[in-house]
C-alpha atoms as a PDB file:
ATOM      1  CA  UNK A   1       0.000   0.000   0.000  1.00  0.00           C
ATOM      2  CA  UNK A   2       1.528   3.274  -1.105  1.00  0.00           C
ATOM      3  CA  UNK A   3       0.629   6.608   0.422  1.00  0.00           C
ATOM      4  CA  UNK A   4       1.453   8.342  -2.855  1.00  0.00           C
ATOM      5  CA  UNK A   5      -1.398   6.496  -4.596  1.00  0.00           C
ATOM      6  CA  UNK A   6      -3.890   7.857  -2.074  1.00  0.00           C
ATOM      7  CA  UNK A   7      -2.724  11.434  -2.565  1.00  0.00           C
ATOM      8  CA  UNK A   8      -3.057  11.120  -6.342  1.00  0.00           C
ATOM      9  CA  UNK A   9      -6.784  10.531  -5.910  1.00  0.00           C
ATOM     10  CA  UNK A  10      -7.551  13.760  -4.016  1.00  0.00           C
ATOM     11  CA  UNK A  11      -4.614  16.182  -4.177  1.00  0.00           C
ATOM     12  CA  UNK A  12      -4.760  19.196  -1.887  1.00  0.00           C
ATOM     13  CA  UNK A  13      -2.200  21.597  -0.479  1.00  0.00           C
ATOM     14  CA  UNK A  14      -2.203  19.879   2.906  1.00  0.00           C
ATOM     15  CA  UNK A  15      -1.875  16.451   1.323  1.00  0.00           C
ATOM     16  CA  UNK A  16       0.808  17.787  -1.006  1.00  0.00           C
ATOM     17  CA  UNK A  17       2.813  18.929   2.009  1.00  0.00           C
ATOM     18  CA  UNK A  18       2.307  15.575   3.739  1.00  0.00           C
ATOM     19  CA  UNK A  19       3.324  13.539   0.690  1.00  0.00           C
ATOM     20  CA  UNK A  20       6.312  15.829   0.185  1.00  0.00           C
ATOM     21  CA  UNK A  21       7.421  15.156   3.755  1.00  0.00           C
ATOM     22  CA  UNK A  22       6.699  11.441   3.294  1.00  0.00           C
ATOM     23  CA  UNK A  23       8.910  11.376   0.211  1.00  0.00           C
ATOM     24  CA  UNK A  24      11.716  13.012   2.189  1.00  0.00           C
ATOM     25  CA  UNK A  25      11.321  10.467   4.987  1.00  0.00           C
ATOM     26  CA  UNK A  26      11.132   7.568   2.544  1.00  0.00           C
ATOM     27  CA  UNK A  27      14.240   8.856   0.791  1.00  0.00           C
ATOM     28  CA  UNK A  28      16.085   8.769   4.118  1.00  0.00           C
ATOM     29  CA  UNK A  29      14.640   5.382   5.117  1.00  0.00           C
ATOM     30  CA  UNK A  30      15.372   3.751   1.795  1.00  0.00           C
END
């Protein structure tokens, strides 16, 4: 289950900020 897929369905500024942070965290984790 990918968080990115969920944000693609209903993109908003708040979700965009969350997914952006998630990408940064995932980049560090992986």
